[in-house]
N, C-alpha and C. Protein backbone atom coordinates (compact mmCIF):
# COMPACT_ATOMS: atom_id res chain seq x y z
N MET A 1 161.42 38.20 158.77
CA MET A 1 162.32 37.92 157.52
C MET A 1 162.95 39.11 156.86
N ALA A 2 164.05 38.77 156.53
CA ALA A 2 164.77 39.88 156.09
C ALA A 2 164.43 40.33 154.64
N GLU A 3 164.56 41.51 154.33
CA GLU A 3 164.11 41.81 152.76
C GLU A 3 165.39 41.72 151.80
N SER A 4 165.09 40.91 150.81
CA SER A 4 166.07 40.73 149.94
C SER A 4 166.19 41.95 148.66
N LYS A 5 167.29 42.66 148.64
CA LYS A 5 167.63 43.58 147.86
C LYS A 5 168.36 43.37 146.57
N GLU A 6 167.88 43.59 145.31
CA GLU A 6 168.61 43.36 144.14
C GLU A 6 169.81 44.15 143.90
N LYS A 7 171.12 43.92 143.59
CA LYS A 7 172.08 44.56 143.41
C LYS A 7 171.79 45.41 141.86
N VAL A 8 172.33 46.58 141.88
CA VAL A 8 172.12 47.36 140.78
C VAL A 8 173.58 47.74 140.44
N LEU A 9 173.58 47.68 139.04
CA LEU A 9 174.81 48.13 138.29
C LEU A 9 174.76 49.53 137.62
N LYS A 10 175.72 50.27 137.90
CA LYS A 10 175.57 51.88 137.71
C LYS A 10 176.83 52.31 137.02
N VAL A 11 176.79 53.24 136.29
CA VAL A 11 178.13 53.79 135.57
C VAL A 11 177.98 55.25 135.98
N ASP A 12 178.62 56.06 136.67
CA ASP A 12 178.65 57.27 136.87
C ASP A 12 178.92 57.93 135.31
N GLU A 13 178.16 58.65 134.67
CA GLU A 13 178.60 59.21 133.36
C GLU A 13 179.13 60.42 133.35
N THR A 14 179.21 61.03 134.60
CA THR A 14 180.12 62.41 134.64
C THR A 14 181.49 61.85 134.72
N THR A 15 181.75 60.79 135.48
CA THR A 15 183.09 60.17 135.77
C THR A 15 183.65 59.51 134.48
N CYS A 16 182.87 58.75 133.84
CA CYS A 16 183.36 57.72 132.85
C CYS A 16 184.19 58.59 131.73
N ILE A 17 185.32 58.08 131.26
CA ILE A 17 186.27 58.24 130.35
C ILE A 17 185.96 57.93 128.96
N GLY A 18 184.93 56.74 128.80
CA GLY A 18 185.01 56.18 127.77
C GLY A 18 186.11 55.22 127.09
N CYS A 19 187.01 55.04 128.15
CA CYS A 19 187.97 54.38 127.96
C CYS A 19 187.89 52.59 127.42
N GLY A 20 186.43 52.06 127.81
CA GLY A 20 186.25 51.12 127.01
C GLY A 20 186.47 49.82 127.63
N ALA A 21 187.35 49.89 128.91
CA ALA A 21 188.01 48.64 129.61
C ALA A 21 186.77 47.79 130.08
N CYS A 22 185.40 48.19 130.30
CA CYS A 22 184.34 47.47 131.16
C CYS A 22 183.80 46.65 129.66
N VAL A 23 183.68 47.30 128.62
CA VAL A 23 183.27 46.90 127.44
C VAL A 23 184.13 45.57 126.92
N GLY A 24 185.26 45.89 127.10
CA GLY A 24 186.23 44.88 126.60
C GLY A 24 186.26 43.57 127.57
N ILE A 25 185.83 43.71 129.03
CA ILE A 25 185.79 42.45 129.73
C ILE A 25 184.32 42.07 129.88
N ALA A 26 183.25 43.13 129.70
CA ALA A 26 181.85 42.35 130.19
C ALA A 26 181.12 43.26 128.99
N ASP A 27 181.18 42.77 127.61
CA ASP A 27 180.42 43.53 126.68
C ASP A 27 178.92 43.06 126.80
N GLU A 28 178.56 42.08 127.70
CA GLU A 28 177.06 41.54 127.84
C GLU A 28 176.48 42.70 128.62
N TYR A 29 177.35 43.47 129.50
CA TYR A 29 176.69 44.20 130.47
C TYR A 29 176.97 45.83 130.30
N PHE A 30 178.08 46.27 129.33
CA PHE A 30 178.17 47.42 129.16
C PHE A 30 178.37 47.75 127.84
N GLU A 31 178.23 49.06 127.36
CA GLU A 31 178.58 49.62 125.71
C GLU A 31 178.71 51.00 125.97
N LEU A 32 179.60 51.21 124.81
CA LEU A 32 179.90 52.89 124.82
C LEU A 32 178.69 53.48 124.09
N GLY A 33 178.08 54.27 124.47
CA GLY A 33 177.24 55.15 123.33
C GLY A 33 177.80 56.11 122.84
N GLY A 34 176.95 56.83 121.89
CA GLY A 34 177.46 57.94 120.96
C GLY A 34 177.95 58.88 121.55
N ASP A 35 178.24 59.20 122.82
CA ASP A 35 178.76 59.88 123.35
C ASP A 35 179.77 59.65 123.94
N GLN A 36 180.45 58.39 123.63
CA GLN A 36 181.64 57.72 124.44
C GLN A 36 181.52 57.55 125.55
N VAL A 37 180.50 57.48 126.32
CA VAL A 37 180.16 57.02 127.96
C VAL A 37 179.81 55.72 128.00
N SER A 38 180.48 54.92 128.72
CA SER A 38 179.85 53.60 128.98
C SER A 38 178.34 53.74 129.69
N LYS A 39 177.43 52.73 129.25
CA LYS A 39 176.14 52.36 129.62
C LYS A 39 176.01 50.89 130.06
N VAL A 40 175.21 50.87 131.15
CA VAL A 40 174.80 49.41 131.70
C VAL A 40 173.59 48.85 130.52
N ILE A 41 173.70 47.86 129.84
CA ILE A 41 172.86 47.48 129.00
C ILE A 41 172.15 46.22 129.52
N LYS A 42 172.61 45.69 130.61
CA LYS A 42 171.99 44.53 131.37
C LYS A 42 172.53 44.40 132.86
N GLN A 43 171.52 44.34 133.41
CA GLN A 43 171.63 44.63 134.76
C GLN A 43 172.33 43.15 135.52
N TYR A 44 172.80 43.18 136.83
CA TYR A 44 173.78 42.37 137.39
C TYR A 44 172.82 41.03 137.35
N ASP A 45 173.82 39.98 137.36
CA ASP A 45 173.23 38.63 137.31
C ASP A 45 174.64 37.95 138.42
N GLU A 46 173.94 37.15 139.24
CA GLU A 46 174.81 36.69 140.08
C GLU A 46 175.72 35.62 139.45
N LYS A 47 175.48 34.83 138.40
CA LYS A 47 176.40 34.00 137.64
C LYS A 47 177.24 34.67 137.00
N ASP A 48 177.38 35.80 136.73
CA ASP A 48 178.44 36.75 136.27
C ASP A 48 179.08 37.73 137.28
N ALA A 49 179.06 37.17 138.64
CA ALA A 49 179.69 38.11 139.75
C ALA A 49 181.23 38.59 139.38
N ASP A 50 181.92 37.30 138.82
CA ASP A 50 183.46 37.48 138.93
C ASP A 50 183.83 38.53 137.67
N LEU A 51 183.00 38.59 136.32
CA LEU A 51 183.08 39.18 135.49
C LEU A 51 183.06 40.57 135.67
N ILE A 52 181.78 41.00 136.43
CA ILE A 52 181.37 42.31 136.51
C ILE A 52 182.39 42.80 137.86
N GLU A 53 182.69 42.17 138.67
CA GLU A 53 184.00 42.47 139.62
C GLU A 53 185.18 43.11 138.80
N GLU A 54 185.32 42.43 137.85
CA GLU A 54 186.68 42.47 137.18
C GLU A 54 186.35 43.61 136.32
N ALA A 55 185.45 44.01 135.81
CA ALA A 55 184.97 45.00 135.07
C ALA A 55 185.24 46.47 136.20
N ILE A 56 184.64 46.39 137.02
CA ILE A 56 184.47 47.58 138.11
C ILE A 56 186.12 47.39 138.71
N LYS A 57 186.77 46.65 138.77
CA LYS A 57 188.05 46.96 139.40
C LYS A 57 189.11 47.42 138.11
N ASN A 58 188.75 47.02 137.01
CA ASN A 58 189.76 47.58 135.93
C ASN A 58 189.10 49.11 135.22
N CYS A 59 188.24 49.64 135.73
CA CYS A 59 187.53 51.02 135.56
C CYS A 59 188.92 51.78 136.07
N PRO A 60 189.53 52.58 135.11
CA PRO A 60 190.57 53.51 135.98
C PRO A 60 190.16 54.81 136.54
N VAL A 61 188.96 55.28 136.18
CA VAL A 61 188.57 56.28 137.20
C VAL A 61 187.15 55.84 138.22
N GLU A 62 186.99 54.43 138.12
CA GLU A 62 186.32 54.22 139.39
C GLU A 62 185.00 54.53 138.99
N ALA A 63 184.33 54.60 137.83
CA ALA A 63 182.94 55.14 137.38
C ALA A 63 181.93 54.14 137.54
N ILE A 64 182.13 52.91 137.95
CA ILE A 64 181.25 51.63 138.04
C ILE A 64 180.98 51.14 139.38
N SER A 65 179.83 51.23 139.56
CA SER A 65 179.34 50.73 141.24
C SER A 65 178.47 49.65 141.15
N LEU A 66 178.43 48.76 142.14
CA LEU A 66 177.35 47.83 142.22
C LEU A 66 176.62 47.99 143.61
N GLU A 67 175.44 48.74 143.81
CA GLU A 67 174.76 49.00 144.86
C GLU A 67 173.66 48.11 145.32
């Protein structure tokens, strides 16, 4: 039986420029910290796959990944 792996939502804080696009799209999953860098505040939920994919695609510096 194949082992099921959970998808992990990540923001590369060294790449993030704090534009807030991800927060604007998926504020349930991302927030801007005091350092104006995006942080993941909720992990991936399959029910929101389209919303998360939209946030990933709209990051201008490609700092968001789903692994």
